[in-house]
Amino acid sequence: MTDLPEFYFRVRENGAAVFRVDTDNRQRRIEMDQIAVLNIRNGEIRAQGTRELSDQERAAIESWMEERRALLEQRDMDDIHRAVDYLNITTQWVQSKASPEQLEEITDPLLMAMHDLRTVLVRKKAEQIAKARSEE
C-alpha cells in the first residue's frame, strides 16, 4: 500500500481545512480528523474546537501555506501571460476576422477594460520610477 501523507489539506476559497490522516486503526480504514482551518490571505491558523496544535502540526501547516502561496503566485503570473496572449489574439481577430456586428458588440467594453488597465499600469510605472529616483 502506498504511504499516505500525515496531513491532508482540503483547499477552500481563502485557505484550507487541515486533516490528520490515520490508517492505524482496527479496520485499516483511512480516517481523517480535522485539526485546523487556515486562511492563506492573513496567515491565520485556527485549531479545530478545543484542540491544541502541536509544534509539528503547526510547522507542517505553515510549510504547506508557503508552498500554496508560491503556487498561487505562479498561477497568477501564468494568467497574466495568457492575458497578453489573448490580447494579441484578439487584435489579430479584430484585424482579420471580426464582422461589423461583432465589433459593435465588443468594442466599447473592450476599450473601457483596456483604458482601465492602461491607467493602472501607467500609474504603477510612474510610482516605480519615482521610487527608484528617490532611492538614488
N, C-alpha and C. Protein backbone atom coordinates (compact mmCIF):
# COMPACT_ATOMS: atom_id res chain seq x y z
N MET A 1 0.84 -1.19 0.00
CA MET A 1 0.00 0.00 0.00
C MET A 1 0.88 1.24 0.00
N THR A 2 0.48 2.24 -0.70
CA THR A 2 1.21 3.49 -0.79
C THR A 2 1.15 4.21 0.55
N ASP A 3 2.28 4.79 0.95
CA ASP A 3 2.29 5.58 2.17
C ASP A 3 1.46 6.84 1.96
N LEU A 4 0.56 7.07 2.86
CA LEU A 4 -0.28 8.26 2.79
C LEU A 4 0.39 9.40 3.53
N PRO A 5 0.08 10.62 3.15
CA PRO A 5 0.65 11.76 3.87
C PRO A 5 0.08 11.82 5.28
N GLU A 6 0.83 12.46 6.15
CA GLU A 6 0.36 12.61 7.53
C GLU A 6 -0.79 13.60 7.63
N PHE A 7 -0.78 14.59 6.72
CA PHE A 7 -1.81 15.62 6.73
C PHE A 7 -2.43 15.75 5.35
N TYR A 8 -3.72 16.07 5.33
CA TYR A 8 -4.43 16.33 4.08
C TYR A 8 -4.99 17.74 4.18
N PHE A 9 -4.81 18.53 3.11
CA PHE A 9 -5.29 19.90 3.08
C PHE A 9 -6.40 20.00 2.04
N ARG A 10 -7.63 20.23 2.52
CA ARG A 10 -8.77 20.41 1.62
C ARG A 10 -8.84 21.90 1.28
N VAL A 11 -8.48 22.23 0.06
CA VAL A 11 -8.41 23.62 -0.37
C VAL A 11 -9.80 24.23 -0.35
N ARG A 12 -9.84 25.45 0.19
CA ARG A 12 -11.07 26.25 0.22
C ARG A 12 -10.79 27.59 -0.44
N GLU A 13 -11.79 28.42 -0.52
CA GLU A 13 -11.67 29.72 -1.20
C GLU A 13 -10.45 30.51 -0.74
N ASN A 14 -10.28 30.70 0.53
CA ASN A 14 -9.18 31.54 1.03
C ASN A 14 -8.18 30.76 1.89
N GLY A 15 -8.14 29.46 1.75
CA GLY A 15 -7.23 28.69 2.58
C GLY A 15 -7.49 27.20 2.46
N ALA A 16 -7.61 26.55 3.62
CA ALA A 16 -7.81 25.11 3.60
C ALA A 16 -8.32 24.62 4.96
N ALA A 17 -8.95 23.48 4.92
CA ALA A 17 -9.24 22.72 6.13
C ALA A 17 -8.13 21.68 6.22
N VAL A 18 -7.59 21.49 7.41
CA VAL A 18 -6.45 20.60 7.60
C VAL A 18 -6.91 19.36 8.36
N PHE A 19 -6.54 18.20 7.84
CA PHE A 19 -6.91 16.93 8.46
C PHE A 19 -5.65 16.12 8.76
N ARG A 20 -5.67 15.42 9.87
CA ARG A 20 -4.63 14.43 10.17
C ARG A 20 -5.14 13.12 9.59
N VAL A 21 -4.30 12.44 8.80
CA VAL A 21 -4.67 11.18 8.15
C VAL A 21 -4.24 10.04 9.06
N ASP A 22 -5.16 9.11 9.29
CA ASP A 22 -4.89 7.99 10.19
C ASP A 22 -5.31 6.68 9.53
N THR A 23 -4.38 5.74 9.46
CA THR A 23 -4.71 4.39 8.98
C THR A 23 -4.40 3.35 10.05
N ASP A 24 -3.93 3.80 11.21
CA ASP A 24 -3.59 2.89 12.30
C ASP A 24 -4.80 2.62 13.17
N ASN A 25 -5.79 1.96 12.59
CA ASN A 25 -6.97 1.60 13.36
C ASN A 25 -7.30 0.14 13.06
N ARG A 26 -8.21 -0.42 13.80
CA ARG A 26 -8.50 -1.86 13.70
C ARG A 26 -9.02 -2.26 12.32
N GLN A 27 -9.77 -1.40 11.68
CA GLN A 27 -10.34 -1.74 10.38
C GLN A 27 -9.41 -1.39 9.23
N ARG A 28 -8.27 -0.77 9.50
CA ARG A 28 -7.31 -0.33 8.48
C ARG A 28 -7.96 0.61 7.46
N ARG A 29 -8.96 1.33 7.91
CA ARG A 29 -9.61 2.33 7.08
C ARG A 29 -8.85 3.64 7.18
N ILE A 30 -8.99 4.44 6.14
CA ILE A 30 -8.41 5.78 6.18
C ILE A 30 -9.40 6.67 6.93
N GLU A 31 -8.92 7.26 8.00
CA GLU A 31 -9.73 8.20 8.76
C GLU A 31 -9.05 9.55 8.71
N MET A 32 -9.85 10.58 8.57
CA MET A 32 -9.31 11.92 8.54
C MET A 32 -9.97 12.73 9.64
N ASP A 33 -9.14 13.23 10.54
CA ASP A 33 -9.60 14.01 11.68
C ASP A 33 -9.24 15.47 11.43
N GLN A 34 -10.26 16.33 11.32
CA GLN A 34 -9.97 17.73 11.07
C GLN A 34 -9.31 18.33 12.29
N ILE A 35 -8.14 18.97 12.05
CA ILE A 35 -7.40 19.56 13.17
C ILE A 35 -7.36 21.09 13.12
N ALA A 36 -7.57 21.67 11.94
CA ALA A 36 -7.47 23.13 11.86
C ALA A 36 -8.11 23.65 10.59
N VAL A 37 -8.29 24.96 10.57
CA VAL A 37 -8.71 25.70 9.39
C VAL A 37 -7.71 26.84 9.24
N LEU A 38 -7.29 27.10 8.01
CA LEU A 38 -6.32 28.16 7.82
C LEU A 38 -6.78 29.13 6.75
N ASN A 39 -6.29 30.35 6.87
CA ASN A 39 -6.59 31.41 5.92
C ASN A 39 -5.28 31.83 5.28
N ILE A 40 -5.16 31.60 3.99
CA ILE A 40 -3.94 31.90 3.25
C ILE A 40 -3.67 33.41 3.23
N ARG A 41 -4.71 34.20 3.08
CA ARG A 41 -4.53 35.65 2.92
C ARG A 41 -3.93 36.32 4.15
N ASN A 42 -4.44 35.97 5.33
CA ASN A 42 -3.95 36.66 6.52
C ASN A 42 -3.04 35.78 7.39
N GLY A 43 -2.83 34.53 6.96
CA GLY A 43 -1.92 33.65 7.69
C GLY A 43 -2.50 33.05 8.96
N GLU A 44 -3.79 33.25 9.20
CA GLU A 44 -4.42 32.75 10.42
C GLU A 44 -4.56 31.23 10.38
N ILE A 45 -4.20 30.60 11.50
CA ILE A 45 -4.38 29.16 11.67
C ILE A 45 -5.23 28.98 12.92
N ARG A 46 -6.41 28.39 12.74
CA ARG A 46 -7.30 28.16 13.88
C ARG A 46 -7.45 26.66 14.12
N ALA A 47 -7.10 26.24 15.32
CA ALA A 47 -7.26 24.84 15.68
C ALA A 47 -8.74 24.50 15.73
N GLN A 48 -9.06 23.26 15.43
CA GLN A 48 -10.44 22.79 15.43
C GLN A 48 -10.92 22.60 16.86
N GLY A 49 -12.02 23.25 17.20
CA GLY A 49 -12.61 23.09 18.52
C GLY A 49 -11.66 23.51 19.63
N THR A 50 -11.51 22.64 20.62
CA THR A 50 -10.64 22.94 21.77
C THR A 50 -9.25 22.36 21.60
N ARG A 51 -8.98 21.84 20.44
CA ARG A 51 -7.70 21.19 20.15
C ARG A 51 -6.54 22.19 20.22
N GLU A 52 -5.39 21.74 20.70
CA GLU A 52 -4.14 22.50 20.67
C GLU A 52 -3.26 21.88 19.59
N LEU A 53 -2.76 22.68 18.69
CA LEU A 53 -1.88 22.16 17.64
C LEU A 53 -0.48 21.96 18.20
N SER A 54 0.12 20.84 17.83
CA SER A 54 1.49 20.57 18.24
C SER A 54 2.44 21.43 17.39
N ASP A 55 3.68 21.53 17.83
CA ASP A 55 4.68 22.27 17.04
C ASP A 55 4.84 21.63 15.66
N GLN A 56 4.81 20.29 15.61
CA GLN A 56 4.96 19.57 14.34
C GLN A 56 3.78 19.88 13.42
N GLU A 57 2.57 19.87 13.95
CA GLU A 57 1.39 20.17 13.15
C GLU A 57 1.45 21.61 12.63
N ARG A 58 1.79 22.53 13.50
CA ARG A 58 1.88 23.94 13.11
C ARG A 58 2.96 24.13 12.04
N ALA A 59 4.09 23.46 12.19
CA ALA A 59 5.17 23.58 11.19
C ALA A 59 4.73 23.02 9.84
N ALA A 60 4.02 21.88 9.85
CA ALA A 60 3.53 21.29 8.60
C ALA A 60 2.52 22.22 7.92
N ILE A 61 1.66 22.84 8.70
CA ILE A 61 0.66 23.76 8.15
C ILE A 61 1.34 24.99 7.56
N GLU A 62 2.30 25.55 8.29
CA GLU A 62 3.00 26.74 7.80
C GLU A 62 3.79 26.43 6.53
N SER A 63 4.38 25.25 6.46
CA SER A 63 5.11 24.84 5.26
C SER A 63 4.16 24.73 4.08
N TRP A 64 3.00 24.12 4.30
CA TRP A 64 2.01 23.99 3.23
C TRP A 64 1.56 25.37 2.77
N MET A 65 1.35 26.28 3.72
CA MET A 65 0.90 27.62 3.37
C MET A 65 1.93 28.33 2.49
N GLU A 66 3.21 28.19 2.80
CA GLU A 66 4.26 28.80 1.98
C GLU A 66 4.24 28.23 0.57
N GLU A 67 4.13 26.90 0.47
CA GLU A 67 4.08 26.26 -0.85
C GLU A 67 2.84 26.69 -1.62
N ARG A 68 1.72 26.79 -0.93
CA ARG A 68 0.46 27.18 -1.57
C ARG A 68 0.53 28.62 -2.08
N ARG A 69 1.08 29.52 -1.27
CA ARG A 69 1.22 30.91 -1.70
C ARG A 69 2.09 30.99 -2.96
N ALA A 70 3.18 30.24 -2.98
CA ALA A 70 4.07 30.25 -4.15
C ALA A 70 3.33 29.72 -5.38
N LEU A 71 2.55 28.67 -5.22
CA LEU A 71 1.78 28.11 -6.33
C LEU A 71 0.76 29.12 -6.84
N LEU A 72 0.05 29.77 -5.93
CA LEU A 72 -0.96 30.74 -6.33
C LEU A 72 -0.32 31.94 -7.04
N GLU A 73 0.85 32.37 -6.56
CA GLU A 73 1.55 33.46 -7.22
C GLU A 73 1.98 33.05 -8.62
N GLN A 74 2.46 31.83 -8.77
CA GLN A 74 2.85 31.32 -10.09
C GLN A 74 1.65 31.26 -11.02
N ARG A 75 0.51 30.81 -10.50
CA ARG A 75 -0.71 30.75 -11.32
C ARG A 75 -1.15 32.14 -11.75
N ASP A 76 -1.04 33.12 -10.84
CA ASP A 76 -1.40 34.49 -11.19
C ASP A 76 -0.55 34.98 -12.36
N MET A 77 0.75 34.74 -12.29
CA MET A 77 1.63 35.18 -13.37
C MET A 77 1.32 34.44 -14.68
N ASP A 78 1.02 33.15 -14.59
CA ASP A 78 0.63 32.40 -15.79
C ASP A 78 -0.63 33.02 -16.41
N ASP A 79 -1.59 33.39 -15.56
CA ASP A 79 -2.83 34.01 -16.06
C ASP A 79 -2.54 35.32 -16.76
N ILE A 80 -1.63 36.12 -16.22
CA ILE A 80 -1.31 37.41 -16.83
C ILE A 80 -0.61 37.21 -18.18
N HIS A 81 0.30 36.25 -18.23
CA HIS A 81 0.96 35.96 -19.51
C HIS A 81 -0.06 35.48 -20.55
N ARG A 82 -1.04 34.70 -20.10
CA ARG A 82 -2.11 34.27 -21.01
C ARG A 82 -2.93 35.47 -21.47
N ALA A 83 -3.17 36.42 -20.57
CA ALA A 83 -3.93 37.61 -20.93
C ALA A 83 -3.22 38.39 -22.04
N VAL A 84 -1.91 38.49 -21.95
CA VAL A 84 -1.15 39.16 -23.01
C VAL A 84 -1.35 38.42 -24.33
N ASP A 85 -1.27 37.09 -24.28
CA ASP A 85 -1.51 36.30 -25.49
C ASP A 85 -2.92 36.54 -26.03
N TYR A 86 -3.92 36.58 -25.14
CA TYR A 86 -5.30 36.80 -25.57
C TYR A 86 -5.46 38.17 -26.21
N LEU A 87 -4.78 39.17 -25.66
CA LEU A 87 -4.84 40.50 -26.28
C LEU A 87 -4.29 40.47 -27.69
N ASN A 88 -3.18 39.78 -27.86
CA ASN A 88 -2.60 39.66 -29.21
C ASN A 88 -3.53 38.90 -30.16
N ILE A 89 -4.10 37.82 -29.68
CA ILE A 89 -5.04 37.02 -30.49
C ILE A 89 -6.28 37.86 -30.82
N THR A 90 -6.74 38.63 -29.83
CA THR A 90 -7.90 39.50 -30.06
C THR A 90 -7.59 40.55 -31.12
N THR A 91 -6.40 41.14 -31.04
CA THR A 91 -6.00 42.13 -32.04
C THR A 91 -6.03 41.52 -33.44
N GLN A 92 -5.48 40.34 -33.56
CA GLN A 92 -5.47 39.67 -34.86
C GLN A 92 -6.89 39.36 -35.34
N TRP A 93 -7.75 38.93 -34.42
CA TRP A 93 -9.15 38.64 -34.76
C TRP A 93 -9.86 39.90 -35.23
N VAL A 94 -9.67 41.02 -34.51
CA VAL A 94 -10.30 42.28 -34.90
C VAL A 94 -9.83 42.70 -36.28
N GLN A 95 -8.56 42.55 -36.53
CA GLN A 95 -8.00 43.00 -37.80
C GLN A 95 -8.42 42.12 -38.96
N SER A 96 -8.56 40.81 -38.74
CA SER A 96 -8.75 39.93 -39.89
C SER A 96 -10.09 39.20 -39.98
N LYS A 97 -10.81 39.05 -38.90
CA LYS A 97 -11.99 38.19 -38.96
C LYS A 97 -13.29 38.81 -38.45
N ALA A 98 -13.22 39.80 -37.60
CA ALA A 98 -14.42 40.30 -36.93
C ALA A 98 -15.39 40.94 -37.91
N SER A 99 -16.66 40.62 -37.73
CA SER A 99 -17.71 41.24 -38.54
C SER A 99 -18.08 42.59 -37.90
N PRO A 100 -18.73 43.44 -38.65
CA PRO A 100 -19.16 44.73 -38.06
C PRO A 100 -20.06 44.53 -36.83
N GLU A 101 -20.91 43.52 -36.86
CA GLU A 101 -21.80 43.25 -35.73
C GLU A 101 -21.00 42.82 -34.50
N GLN A 102 -20.01 41.96 -34.73
CA GLN A 102 -19.17 41.51 -33.62
C GLN A 102 -18.37 42.68 -33.03
N LEU A 103 -17.85 43.53 -33.90
CA LEU A 103 -17.11 44.70 -33.42
C LEU A 103 -18.01 45.64 -32.62
N GLU A 104 -19.22 45.80 -33.08
CA GLU A 104 -20.19 46.65 -32.36
C GLU A 104 -20.42 46.10 -30.95
N GLU A 105 -20.49 44.79 -30.83
CA GLU A 105 -20.75 44.15 -29.54
C GLU A 105 -19.60 44.30 -28.55
N ILE A 106 -18.37 44.22 -29.02
CA ILE A 106 -17.24 44.14 -28.10
C ILE A 106 -16.39 45.41 -28.00
N THR A 107 -16.54 46.34 -28.91
CA THR A 107 -15.63 47.49 -28.94
C THR A 107 -15.67 48.32 -27.66
N ASP A 108 -16.85 48.77 -27.23
CA ASP A 108 -16.92 49.63 -26.04
C ASP A 108 -16.45 48.91 -24.76
N PRO A 109 -16.94 47.71 -24.47
CA PRO A 109 -16.44 47.04 -23.26
C PRO A 109 -14.94 46.78 -23.30
N LEU A 110 -14.43 46.41 -24.47
CA LEU A 110 -13.00 46.13 -24.59
C LEU A 110 -12.18 47.42 -24.44
N LEU A 111 -12.63 48.50 -25.06
CA LEU A 111 -11.93 49.77 -24.91
C LEU A 111 -11.92 50.25 -23.46
N MET A 112 -13.02 50.10 -22.75
CA MET A 112 -13.08 50.50 -21.34
C MET A 112 -12.12 49.67 -20.49
N ALA A 113 -12.11 48.37 -20.71
CA ALA A 113 -11.21 47.50 -19.95
C ALA A 113 -9.76 47.83 -20.25
N MET A 114 -9.46 48.08 -21.52
CA MET A 114 -8.08 48.41 -21.90
C MET A 114 -7.68 49.78 -21.35
N HIS A 115 -8.60 50.73 -21.33
CA HIS A 115 -8.31 52.05 -20.77
C HIS A 115 -8.03 51.93 -19.27
N ASP A 116 -8.86 51.17 -18.58
CA ASP A 116 -8.68 50.96 -17.15
C ASP A 116 -7.32 50.32 -16.87
N LEU A 117 -6.99 49.28 -17.61
CA LEU A 117 -5.71 48.60 -17.45
C LEU A 117 -4.56 49.56 -17.73
N ARG A 118 -4.65 50.29 -18.81
CA ARG A 118 -3.57 51.24 -19.17
C ARG A 118 -3.38 52.28 -18.07
N THR A 119 -4.47 52.82 -17.54
CA THR A 119 -4.39 53.82 -16.48
C THR A 119 -3.65 53.28 -15.26
N VAL A 120 -3.98 52.08 -14.85
CA VAL A 120 -3.34 51.46 -13.68
C VAL A 120 -1.88 51.16 -13.98
N LEU A 121 -1.58 50.62 -15.15
CA LEU A 121 -0.19 50.31 -15.50
C LEU A 121 0.67 51.57 -15.55
N VAL A 122 0.15 52.64 -16.13
CA VAL A 122 0.91 53.89 -16.21
C VAL A 122 1.16 54.44 -14.81
N ARG A 123 0.14 54.42 -13.96
CA ARG A 123 0.31 54.92 -12.59
C ARG A 123 1.35 54.09 -11.83
N LYS A 124 1.28 52.76 -11.93
CA LYS A 124 2.24 51.88 -11.25
C LYS A 124 3.65 52.11 -11.77
N LYS A 125 3.80 52.26 -13.08
CA LYS A 125 5.12 52.50 -13.66
C LYS A 125 5.68 53.83 -13.17
N ALA A 126 4.85 54.86 -13.11
CA ALA A 126 5.29 56.17 -12.61
C ALA A 126 5.72 56.07 -11.15
N GLU A 127 4.99 55.30 -10.35
CA GLU A 127 5.36 55.11 -8.94
C GLU A 127 6.71 54.40 -8.83
N GLN A 128 6.95 53.40 -9.68
CA GLN A 128 8.23 52.69 -9.67
C GLN A 128 9.38 53.62 -10.02
N ILE A 129 9.18 54.45 -11.04
CA ILE A 129 10.23 55.39 -11.47
C ILE A 129 10.51 56.39 -10.36
N ALA A 130 9.46 56.93 -9.75
CA ALA A 130 9.63 57.91 -8.67
C ALA A 130 10.35 57.27 -7.49
N LYS A 131 10.01 56.06 -7.15
CA LYS A 131 10.65 55.37 -6.03
C LYS A 131 12.13 55.11 -6.34
N ALA A 132 12.42 54.67 -7.56
CA ALA A 132 13.81 54.42 -7.95
C ALA A 132 14.63 55.70 -7.90
N ARG A 133 14.06 56.81 -8.33
CA ARG A 133 14.77 58.09 -8.29
C ARG A 133 15.02 58.56 -6.86
N SER A 134 14.05 58.32 -5.99
CA SER A 134 14.20 58.76 -4.60
C SER A 134 15.23 57.93 -3.84
N GLU A 135 15.47 56.69 -4.31
CA GLU A 135 16.46 55.82 -3.67
C GLU A 135 17.88 56.08 -4.15
N GLU A 136 18.02 56.87 -5.23
CA GLU A 136 19.35 57.17 -5.77
C GLU A 136 20.11 58.16 -4.96
